[in-house]
Amino acid sequence: MEPDNTTQQPDQATSLMALEGLIKNYLTKIENHQEELKKYKEMLNNALENDQDYVKAATEAKEASQKKSAAKNAVIKQPEISNINEKVKDGMNQLKDMKTALSLHLQNYAQLAGTNQFEDNDGQVREIVYVAKVVKRGNKFRT
C-alpha cells in the first residue's frame, strides 16, 4: 500500500506556513528588541560622556592604548618577530579555510549518512551542529 500524499502535502503546507509565521514573528521581536537596546545604549553613552571622571579615565585609557599599539608595532617591525607575525597570520587564514572545508564536508557527510553524528579517531562520538541566521538581501536580488 502506497502512502497517501494528498493528506501529507496540506499538512506540510500548513506546517510550513506556521513555521514561516513563527520566523517572521521572531524577526520582528528581534528587530524591536535591537531598537530598544540601541536607545538604552545611547542613553548610557550620553550619561558616560557627561561624567567628568569617566571622560578623564577614557582619555587616559585611549592614550595608554595608543602607547601599547606603538610599542607592539615597534616590536613587530623587528625582522625575526615580523616573520613570526606573518606565520601567525598565515596560520590563522589556513585555520579559517580548514574550518570552512570541514563545515562543507560535515554537511555532505550528514546528508549522505543520514545522521548528524560520527565517531572520531579517538572513539569520541561527535555531533554535527548547524547554525542558521537570516541576513537581509540587497536590492539587486529582489524580484
Protein backbone atom coordinates (compact mmCIF):
# COMPACT_ATOMS: atom_id res chain seq x y z
CA MET A 1 0.00 0.00 0.00
CA GLU A 2 1.44 3.39 -1.02
CA PRO A 3 1.42 6.38 1.36
CA ASP A 4 -1.33 8.93 0.81
CA ASN A 5 0.47 12.08 -0.41
CA THR A 6 -2.74 14.11 -0.66
CA THR A 7 -3.05 14.42 3.13
CA GLN A 8 0.67 14.81 3.63
CA GLN A 9 1.03 17.84 1.34
CA PRO A 10 -1.63 20.02 3.03
CA ASP A 11 -0.19 19.15 6.44
CA GLN A 12 3.28 20.05 5.20
CA ALA A 13 2.00 23.30 3.67
CA THR A 14 0.20 24.19 6.91
CA SER A 15 3.32 23.42 8.94
CA LEU A 16 5.47 25.45 6.56
CA MET A 17 3.11 28.43 6.78
CA ALA A 18 3.03 28.20 10.57
CA LEU A 19 6.82 27.97 10.71
CA GLU A 20 7.18 30.95 8.36
CA GLY A 21 4.82 32.95 10.58
CA LEU A 22 6.86 31.99 13.63
CA ILE A 23 10.10 33.06 11.92
CA LYS A 24 8.60 36.39 10.89
CA ASN A 25 7.31 36.92 14.43
CA TYR A 26 10.77 36.28 15.87
CA LEU A 27 12.39 38.58 13.30
CA THR A 28 10.01 41.37 14.32
CA LYS A 29 10.66 40.75 18.03
CA ILE A 30 14.43 40.74 17.46
CA GLU A 31 14.37 43.95 15.41
CA ASN A 32 12.18 45.69 18.03
CA HIS A 33 14.45 44.47 20.81
CA GLN A 34 17.52 45.74 18.93
CA GLU A 35 15.92 49.16 18.54
CA GLU A 36 15.11 49.28 22.26
CA LEU A 37 18.65 48.26 23.16
CA LYS A 38 20.01 50.91 20.79
CA LYS A 39 18.06 53.58 22.69
CA TYR A 40 19.36 52.33 26.04
CA LYS A 41 22.93 52.23 24.74
CA GLU A 42 22.60 55.83 23.55
CA MET A 43 21.26 56.86 26.96
CA LEU A 44 24.14 55.06 28.69
CA ASN A 45 26.73 56.62 26.37
CA ASN A 46 25.26 60.08 26.95
CA ALA A 47 25.44 59.57 30.72
CA LEU A 48 29.06 58.40 30.47
CA GLU A 49 30.07 61.28 28.19
CA ASN A 50 28.63 63.76 30.71
CA ASP A 51 30.63 62.31 33.62
CA GLN A 52 33.99 64.09 34.01
CA ASP A 53 35.65 61.20 35.85
CA TYR A 54 34.68 58.77 33.10
CA VAL A 55 35.79 61.12 30.32
CA LYS A 56 39.18 61.58 32.03
CA ALA A 57 39.64 57.82 32.54
CA ALA A 58 38.59 57.10 28.94
CA THR A 59 41.09 59.64 27.63
CA GLU A 60 43.87 58.13 29.72
CA ALA A 61 42.92 54.64 28.56
CA LYS A 62 42.95 55.78 24.93
CA GLU A 63 46.42 57.29 25.36
CA ALA A 64 47.66 54.11 27.05
CA SER A 65 46.18 52.02 24.23
CA GLN A 66 47.96 54.15 21.65
CA LYS A 67 51.27 53.73 23.53
CA LYS A 68 50.71 49.98 23.71
CA SER A 69 49.94 49.83 19.99
CA ALA A 70 53.04 51.85 19.13
CA ALA A 71 55.21 49.59 21.31
CA LYS A 72 53.68 46.49 19.71
CA ASN A 73 54.32 47.83 16.21
CA ALA A 74 57.93 48.60 17.13
CA VAL A 75 58.46 45.01 18.30
CA ILE A 76 56.72 43.54 15.25
CA LYS A 77 58.95 45.56 12.92
CA GLN A 78 61.95 43.52 14.07
CA PRO A 79 62.76 41.04 11.25
CA GLU A 80 62.55 37.85 13.32
CA ILE A 81 59.34 38.95 15.04
CA SER A 82 57.88 40.10 11.72
CA ASN A 83 58.43 36.60 10.34
CA ILE A 84 56.67 35.08 13.35
CA ASN A 85 53.81 37.55 12.95
CA GLU A 86 53.40 36.56 9.29
CA LYS A 87 53.37 32.88 10.28
CA VAL A 88 50.62 33.60 12.81
CA LYS A 89 48.55 35.50 10.20
CA ASP A 90 49.05 32.75 7.60
CA GLY A 91 48.23 30.09 10.19
CA MET A 92 45.00 31.88 11.15
CA ASN A 93 43.97 32.10 7.48
CA GLN A 94 44.76 28.40 6.98
CA LEU A 95 42.73 27.53 10.08
CA LYS A 96 39.78 29.54 8.77
CA ASP A 97 40.00 27.75 5.40
CA MET A 98 40.20 24.34 7.12
CA LYS A 99 37.14 25.11 9.24
CA THR A 100 35.21 26.18 6.14
CA ALA A 101 36.18 22.96 4.36
CA LEU A 102 35.29 20.88 7.43
CA SER A 103 31.86 22.54 7.55
CA LEU A 104 31.20 21.59 3.92
CA HIS A 105 32.42 18.04 4.50
CA LEU A 106 30.21 17.71 7.58
CA GLN A 107 27.18 18.86 5.62
CA ASN A 108 27.92 16.30 2.91
CA TYR A 109 28.52 13.55 5.48
CA ALA A 110 25.26 14.25 7.30
CA GLN A 111 23.35 14.22 4.04
CA LEU A 112 24.95 11.02 2.76
CA ALA A 113 24.97 9.14 6.08
CA GLY A 114 21.54 10.32 7.16
CA THR A 115 22.83 11.10 10.64
CA ASN A 116 24.25 14.09 12.48
CA GLN A 117 26.75 12.03 14.49
CA PHE A 118 30.05 10.33 13.77
CA GLU A 119 32.87 8.78 15.72
CA ASP A 120 36.29 10.48 15.61
CA ASN A 121 39.70 8.78 15.61
CA ASP A 122 39.70 8.63 19.43
CA GLY A 123 36.34 6.88 19.58
CA GLN A 124 34.59 10.03 20.77
CA VAL A 125 31.10 10.48 19.33
CA ARG A 126 30.80 13.92 17.74
CA GLU A 127 27.57 15.67 16.83
CA ILE A 128 27.19 17.86 13.77
CA VAL A 129 25.57 21.15 14.78
CA TYR A 130 24.17 23.69 12.36
CA VAL A 131 23.94 27.41 13.00
CA ALA A 132 21.50 29.34 10.87
CA LYS A 133 20.97 33.07 10.62
CA VAL A 134 19.00 35.44 8.46
CA VAL A 135 20.55 38.34 6.58
CA LYS A 136 18.83 40.97 4.51
CA ARG A 137 19.25 40.60 0.77
CA GLY A 138 20.44 43.56 -1.24
CA ASN A 139 18.03 45.39 -3.54
CA LYS A 140 19.66 43.85 -6.60
CA PHE A 141 18.33 40.41 -5.54
CA ARG A 142 14.71 41.45 -5.11
CA THR A 143 12.25 40.36 -7.73
